[in-house]
Amino acid sequence: MISAKILVIHQGAIGDFILSLPALQTIKNAFPDCGLEMLGYPSTLVLAGKLAGQVRSIDGAELSSLYGDYATVSSEVRQYLEGYERIFIFSAQGKNAFIENIQHCHPGAFHLRTFPSAQQHVIDFQLAQLAQAGFVTASSVPQLRVSDHDLNRAGHYQLSHACDAAAGLLIAVHAGSGGRHKCWPLESFVAVLHWLHGETHAGYLIVQGPAEEKTAGELQEGLAGLPHTIVANLDLPLVAALLSRCALCIGNDSGMTHVAAALGVPTVAVFGPTDPAVWGPRGASVSIVRQLDAEGQWRWPEPEAVFESARMLLAVDKERLLK
């Protein structure tokens, strides 16, 4: 019977959370007999699946006292935090009132910084902190698992929304991102998707994130005449299950691209101004496409480069399936 509990606090966005999965697995491995609970944003933390036994929202009014002076932290919150064997706080920030208050309540609370200050991949940076503290680190490749329940939901969704191509492959596309500066030009996406359809008769699953209606609508216009479905306003486990049923995913430096890579879906990640050496998705079937200009500056790749990467991944995956 599990009695001791571990608390992990993570308030990051989808991509940040995926990049923290190896660190989270390391913590889980270190305390196999303890229940692991998570505090943050449930709509994202639900991706933790079986790693977390319970997920709680950090937006609850009862936790608001953690953001002020320690003297104002309620006795209920102090008792809540003291009930855990260990606490791990994932945070991009340095010490602040929130972190210091938790460490006052629970002196053993471990502050794990999520964003490196030097040229180092986010995953390696987090694992290095845990290794320095004596933990045996897990694989540095994030891995997501989709439940049978969510796979069944995805199958029903595809049938009811005509997601499958009439013939050929189903390819996921995410043309948005958390920042406009990380978005490859839509006309480049459209060109690649038309070329791929010409070779494979592919149909497209257009993933639309929050505030991406305009981007998804413009992409839909560019794909007029090609089989496609917009996926919007779905819970993350269902979106992940839909992605897992795709032959390929093409996306920007975004949370959905990280999700696809962590699922093991062949993934083409298009990078421009952000550095994949720090933020790039990891996986056995991931191709990161980026180009240097004549002056040695990174710029957006030409559509032909993304097209060739997509063709290569599809060919490799086809060979794997035939074995």
Protein backbone atom coordinates (compact mmCIF):
# COMPACT_ATOMS: atom_id res chain seq x y z
CA MET A 1 0.00 0.00 0.00
CA ILE A 2 1.39 3.41 -1.02
CA SER A 3 1.44 5.88 1.86
CA ALA A 4 4.37 8.26 1.24
CA LYS A 5 3.74 10.88 -1.43
CA ILE A 6 5.92 12.96 -3.75
CA LEU A 7 4.71 16.33 -5.07
CA VAL A 8 5.87 17.74 -8.40
CA ILE A 9 4.97 21.34 -9.22
CA HIS A 10 5.08 22.21 -12.93
CA GLN A 11 3.36 25.26 -14.42
CA GLY A 12 4.86 25.14 -17.92
CA ALA A 13 3.15 25.04 -21.30
CA ILE A 14 2.73 21.85 -23.34
CA GLY A 15 6.17 21.88 -24.97
CA ASP A 16 7.88 22.76 -21.69
CA PHE A 17 6.13 19.88 -19.97
CA ILE A 18 7.13 17.37 -22.68
CA LEU A 19 10.75 18.48 -22.34
CA SER A 20 10.47 17.84 -18.58
CA LEU A 21 9.25 14.25 -18.99
CA PRO A 22 12.75 12.71 -18.65
CA ALA A 23 13.27 14.60 -15.38
CA LEU A 24 9.80 13.55 -14.22
CA GLN A 25 10.56 9.91 -15.05
CA THR A 26 13.84 10.21 -13.12
CA ILE A 27 11.93 11.38 -10.04
CA LYS A 28 9.36 8.62 -10.41
CA ASN A 29 12.11 5.98 -10.72
CA ALA A 30 13.82 7.27 -7.59
CA PHE A 31 10.72 6.78 -5.44
CA PRO A 32 9.03 3.64 -6.80
CA ASP A 33 7.08 3.02 -3.60
CA CYS A 34 5.71 6.56 -3.33
CA GLY A 35 2.64 8.00 -4.98
CA LEU A 36 3.48 10.89 -7.29
CA GLU A 37 1.09 13.84 -7.40
CA MET A 38 1.31 16.93 -9.60
CA LEU A 39 0.35 20.54 -9.07
CA GLY A 40 -0.03 22.89 -12.04
CA TYR A 41 -2.46 23.20 -14.94
CA PRO A 42 -4.51 19.99 -15.28
CA SER A 43 -5.25 20.55 -18.98
CA THR A 44 -1.51 20.07 -19.64
CA LEU A 45 -0.50 17.77 -16.77
CA VAL A 46 -3.05 15.21 -17.93
CA LEU A 47 -0.33 14.17 -20.41
CA ALA A 48 1.60 12.69 -17.48
CA GLY A 49 -0.73 9.71 -17.67
CA LYS A 50 0.21 6.91 -15.27
CA LEU A 51 3.30 8.77 -14.03
CA ALA A 52 1.05 10.86 -11.80
CA GLY A 53 -1.55 9.34 -9.55
CA GLN A 54 -3.29 12.67 -9.00
CA VAL A 55 -3.25 16.10 -10.64
CA ARG A 56 -4.36 19.26 -8.85
CA SER A 57 -4.85 22.80 -10.17
CA ILE A 58 -2.47 25.43 -8.86
CA ASP A 59 -5.10 28.12 -9.48
CA GLY A 60 -7.08 27.21 -6.38
CA ALA A 61 -7.74 30.14 -4.06
CA GLU A 62 -6.39 28.18 -1.09
CA LEU A 63 -2.87 28.22 -2.62
CA SER A 64 -2.79 31.95 -3.35
CA SER A 65 -1.10 32.71 -0.03
CA LEU A 66 2.09 31.08 -1.37
CA TYR A 67 2.67 34.11 -3.58
CA GLY A 68 2.93 36.63 -0.73
CA ASP A 69 5.04 36.94 2.41
CA TYR A 70 5.75 33.73 4.28
CA ALA A 71 3.92 35.07 7.32
CA THR A 72 0.70 35.12 5.29
CA VAL A 73 0.91 31.47 4.16
CA SER A 74 -2.13 29.78 5.63
CA SER A 75 -1.82 26.93 8.11
CA GLU A 76 -3.85 24.74 5.74
CA VAL A 77 -1.30 25.23 2.94
CA ARG A 78 1.60 24.56 5.30
CA GLN A 79 -0.02 21.33 6.43
CA TYR A 80 -0.72 20.35 2.82
CA LEU A 81 2.94 20.76 1.82
CA GLU A 82 4.30 19.12 4.95
CA GLY A 83 2.31 16.00 4.04
CA TYR A 84 4.71 15.10 1.23
CA GLU A 85 7.89 13.05 1.52
CA ARG A 86 9.62 15.20 -1.10
CA ILE A 87 8.65 18.21 -3.23
CA PHE A 88 10.12 19.11 -6.64
CA ILE A 89 9.48 22.57 -8.09
CA PHE A 90 10.02 22.97 -11.84
CA SER A 91 10.45 26.66 -12.58
CA ALA A 92 12.01 28.83 -15.28
CA GLN A 93 12.58 31.54 -12.70
CA GLY A 94 15.24 31.87 -10.05
CA LYS A 95 14.29 32.16 -6.40
CA ASN A 96 11.06 34.06 -5.83
CA ALA A 97 8.48 34.34 -3.06
CA PHE A 98 6.54 31.29 -4.30
CA ILE A 99 9.59 28.99 -4.28
CA GLU A 100 10.99 30.36 -1.03
CA ASN A 101 7.67 29.95 0.75
CA ILE A 102 7.43 26.31 -0.31
CA GLN A 103 10.99 25.71 0.89
CA HIS A 104 10.12 27.36 4.21
CA CYS A 105 7.19 24.97 4.58
CA HIS A 106 9.20 21.99 3.38
CA PRO A 107 13.01 22.48 3.72
CA GLY A 108 13.66 19.46 1.49
CA ALA A 109 11.86 21.00 -1.50
CA PHE A 110 14.09 20.75 -4.60
CA HIS A 111 14.06 23.69 -7.03
CA LEU A 112 14.65 22.39 -10.56
CA ARG A 113 15.36 25.18 -13.06
CA THR A 114 13.81 24.42 -16.44
CA PHE A 115 15.52 26.86 -18.83
CA PRO A 116 19.32 26.85 -19.24
CA SER A 117 21.29 30.06 -19.20
CA ALA A 118 24.02 28.57 -21.42
CA GLN A 119 23.98 26.65 -24.72
CA GLN A 120 22.57 23.36 -23.45
CA HIS A 121 19.49 21.37 -24.34
CA VAL A 122 16.64 21.87 -21.87
CA ILE A 123 16.36 18.13 -21.20
CA ASP A 124 20.08 17.73 -20.50
CA PHE A 125 20.05 20.83 -18.28
CA GLN A 126 17.28 19.42 -16.11
CA LEU A 127 18.78 15.93 -15.90
CA ALA A 128 22.19 17.37 -14.99
CA GLN A 129 20.68 19.08 -11.94
CA LEU A 130 19.13 15.82 -10.80
CA ALA A 131 22.36 13.89 -11.45
CA GLN A 132 24.29 16.43 -9.38
CA ALA A 133 21.84 15.80 -6.54
CA GLY A 134 22.58 12.06 -6.73
CA PHE A 135 19.70 10.80 -8.86
CA VAL A 136 20.16 8.10 -11.50
CA THR A 137 18.78 9.80 -14.57
CA ALA A 138 16.29 8.28 -17.01
CA SER A 139 16.49 8.32 -20.81
CA SER A 140 16.90 11.79 -22.29
CA VAL A 141 14.23 11.09 -24.93
CA PRO A 142 10.69 12.05 -23.80
CA GLN A 143 8.13 9.28 -24.17
CA LEU A 144 4.36 9.57 -24.16
CA ARG A 145 1.93 6.68 -23.99
CA VAL A 146 -1.66 6.80 -25.22
CA SER A 147 -4.25 4.77 -23.33
CA ASP A 148 -6.45 2.23 -25.09
CA HIS A 149 -9.44 4.33 -24.04
CA ASP A 150 -8.07 7.41 -25.82
CA LEU A 151 -7.10 5.37 -28.89
CA ASN A 152 -10.69 4.15 -29.11
CA ARG A 153 -11.94 7.71 -28.76
CA ALA A 154 -9.61 8.78 -31.56
CA GLY A 155 -10.90 6.00 -33.79
CA HIS A 156 -14.51 7.08 -33.25
CA TYR A 157 -13.54 10.71 -33.84
CA GLN A 158 -11.89 9.87 -37.15
CA LEU A 159 -14.91 7.92 -38.33
CA SER A 160 -17.39 10.62 -37.35
CA HIS A 161 -15.32 13.48 -38.79
CA ALA A 162 -14.07 11.79 -41.97
CA CYS A 163 -10.44 12.36 -40.99
CA ASP A 164 -8.97 9.58 -43.11
CA ALA A 165 -7.70 10.23 -46.60
CA ALA A 166 -9.71 8.57 -49.35
CA ALA A 167 -6.47 6.77 -50.20
CA GLY A 168 -3.01 7.12 -48.79
CA LEU A 169 -1.70 8.51 -45.52
CA LEU A 170 -2.99 10.71 -42.75
CA ILE A 171 -0.53 13.50 -41.93
CA ALA A 172 -0.83 15.86 -38.96
CA VAL A 173 0.03 19.52 -39.45
CA HIS A 174 0.48 22.22 -36.82
CA ALA A 175 1.20 25.56 -38.45
CA GLY A 176 0.87 27.59 -35.25
CA SER A 177 3.06 28.05 -32.20
CA GLY A 178 3.27 29.94 -28.92
CA GLY A 179 4.83 32.91 -30.73
CA ARG A 180 4.44 34.27 -34.28
CA HIS A 181 8.23 34.48 -34.63
CA LYS A 182 8.32 30.67 -34.43
CA CYS A 183 5.85 30.15 -37.29
CA TRP A 184 7.09 29.08 -40.72
CA PRO A 185 5.30 31.02 -43.50
CA LEU A 186 1.92 29.47 -44.33
CA GLU A 187 2.60 29.51 -48.06
CA SER A 188 5.57 27.21 -47.43
CA PHE A 189 3.37 24.78 -45.50
CA VAL A 190 0.82 24.83 -48.31
CA ALA A 191 3.45 24.10 -50.97
CA VAL A 192 4.85 21.11 -49.07
CA LEU A 193 1.41 19.67 -48.33
CA HIS A 194 0.37 19.89 -51.97
CA TRP A 195 3.57 18.15 -53.07
CA LEU A 196 3.10 15.38 -50.51
CA HIS A 197 -0.50 14.85 -51.54
CA GLY A 198 0.61 14.57 -55.15
CA GLU A 199 2.96 11.71 -54.23
CA THR A 200 1.02 9.93 -51.48
CA HIS A 201 -2.64 11.04 -51.79
CA ALA A 202 -2.29 12.09 -48.15
CA GLY A 203 -5.12 13.56 -46.14
CA TYR A 204 -4.36 16.15 -43.45
CA LEU A 205 -5.23 16.58 -39.82
CA ILE A 206 -4.88 20.32 -39.12
CA VAL A 207 -4.25 20.81 -35.41
CA GLN A 208 -5.58 24.13 -34.16
CA GLY A 209 -4.41 25.41 -30.80
CA PRO A 210 -5.86 28.24 -28.71
CA ALA A 211 -6.02 31.57 -30.58
CA GLU A 212 -4.98 29.85 -33.84
CA GLU A 213 -8.32 30.07 -35.67
CA LYS A 214 -6.94 32.53 -38.23
CA THR A 215 -3.85 30.42 -38.95
CA ALA A 216 -5.84 27.19 -39.26
CA GLY A 217 -8.45 28.90 -41.47
CA GLU A 218 -5.84 30.28 -43.84
CA LEU A 219 -4.14 26.88 -44.05
CA GLN A 220 -7.51 25.29 -44.79
CA GLU A 221 -8.03 27.74 -47.66
CA GLY A 222 -4.63 26.80 -49.05
CA LEU A 223 -5.57 23.12 -48.98
CA ALA A 224 -8.84 23.61 -50.87
CA GLY A 225 -9.51 20.46 -52.87
CA LEU A 226 -7.35 18.24 -50.66
CA PRO A 227 -8.83 15.98 -47.94
CA HIS A 228 -8.37 17.64 -44.56
CA THR A 229 -10.00 18.07 -41.16
CA ILE A 230 -9.43 20.78 -38.55
CA VAL A 231 -9.00 19.46 -35.03
CA ALA A 232 -9.85 22.13 -32.46
CA ASN A 233 -11.03 22.45 -28.86
CA LEU A 234 -10.30 18.84 -27.93
CA ASP A 235 -8.69 17.60 -24.72
CA LEU A 236 -4.98 16.84 -24.98
CA PRO A 237 -5.24 13.04 -24.50
CA LEU A 238 -7.61 12.86 -27.48
CA VAL A 239 -5.36 15.10 -29.61
CA ALA A 240 -2.36 12.95 -28.67
CA ALA A 241 -4.27 9.81 -29.62
CA LEU A 242 -5.19 11.32 -32.98
CA LEU A 243 -1.56 12.28 -33.59
CA SER A 244 -0.44 8.74 -32.72
CA ARG A 245 -2.59 7.42 -35.59
CA CYS A 246 -0.85 9.64 -38.16
CA ALA A 247 1.95 8.52 -40.46
CA LEU A 248 3.76 11.85 -40.10
CA CYS A 249 3.59 15.19 -38.30
CA ILE A 250 4.91 18.48 -39.69
CA GLY A 251 5.05 21.45 -37.34
CA ASN A 252 6.88 24.46 -36.00
CA ASP A 253 8.76 24.75 -32.72
CA SER A 254 5.55 24.13 -30.78
CA GLY A 255 4.02 22.00 -28.08
CA MET A 256 2.17 19.82 -30.58
CA THR A 257 5.40 19.03 -32.44
CA HIS A 258 6.96 17.94 -29.13
CA VAL A 259 3.90 15.79 -28.37
CA ALA A 260 4.13 14.05 -31.76
CA ALA A 261 7.85 13.38 -31.32
CA ALA A 262 7.34 12.00 -27.80
CA LEU A 263 4.66 9.66 -29.16
CA GLY A 264 7.17 8.24 -31.63
CA VAL A 265 5.34 9.67 -34.65
CA PRO A 266 7.77 10.50 -37.51
CA THR A 267 8.09 14.25 -37.08
CA VAL A 268 9.46 17.09 -39.20
CA ALA A 269 10.16 20.08 -36.95
CA VAL A 270 10.67 23.37 -38.80
CA PHE A 271 12.96 25.79 -36.96
CA GLY A 272 13.86 29.38 -37.72
CA PRO A 273 14.95 31.84 -35.01
CA THR A 274 14.84 29.44 -32.05
CA ASP A 275 17.75 27.08 -31.45
CA PRO A 276 17.00 23.33 -31.75
CA ALA A 277 20.20 22.61 -29.84
CA VAL A 278 18.31 24.00 -26.83
CA TRP A 279 14.63 23.53 -27.67
CA GLY A 280 14.48 20.83 -30.35
CA PRO A 281 12.21 17.78 -30.02
CA ARG A 282 13.95 14.46 -29.53
CA GLY A 283 13.08 11.06 -30.90
CA ALA A 284 14.26 8.26 -33.16
CA SER A 285 12.06 9.55 -36.00
CA VAL A 286 12.57 13.30 -35.71
CA SER A 287 14.02 15.48 -38.45
CA ILE A 288 14.78 19.10 -37.56
CA VAL A 289 14.98 21.32 -40.62
CA ARG A 290 16.83 24.64 -40.49
CA GLN A 291 19.01 26.56 -42.96
CA LEU A 292 21.93 28.98 -42.88
CA ASP A 293 22.05 31.97 -45.22
CA ALA A 294 25.16 33.17 -47.06
CA GLU A 295 26.14 35.33 -44.07
CA GLY A 296 25.98 32.44 -41.61
CA GLN A 297 22.66 33.49 -40.08
CA TRP A 298 19.88 31.02 -39.41
CA ARG A 299 16.75 31.53 -41.48
CA TRP A 300 13.62 29.63 -42.40
CA PRO A 301 14.26 26.61 -44.63
CA GLU A 302 13.00 26.45 -48.19
CA PRO A 303 9.91 24.28 -48.74
CA GLU A 304 11.98 21.81 -50.77
CA ALA A 305 14.11 20.98 -47.70
CA VAL A 306 11.06 20.24 -45.56
CA PHE A 307 9.50 18.20 -48.37
CA GLU A 308 12.61 16.04 -48.71
CA SER A 309 12.75 15.45 -44.94
CA ALA A 310 9.08 14.41 -44.96
CA ARG A 311 9.67 12.02 -47.88
CA MET A 312 12.66 10.50 -46.11
CA LEU A 313 10.78 9.89 -42.87
CA LEU A 314 7.81 8.40 -44.69
CA ALA A 315 10.12 6.04 -46.62
CA VAL A 316 11.91 4.93 -43.45
CA ASP A 317 8.64 4.34 -41.63
CA LYS A 318 7.28 2.36 -44.58
CA GLU A 319 10.36 0.11 -44.49
CA ARG A 320 9.86 -0.40 -40.75
CA LEU A 321 6.23 -1.40 -41.20
CA LEU A 322 7.13 -3.88 -43.95
CA LYS A 323 9.67 -5.75 -41.80
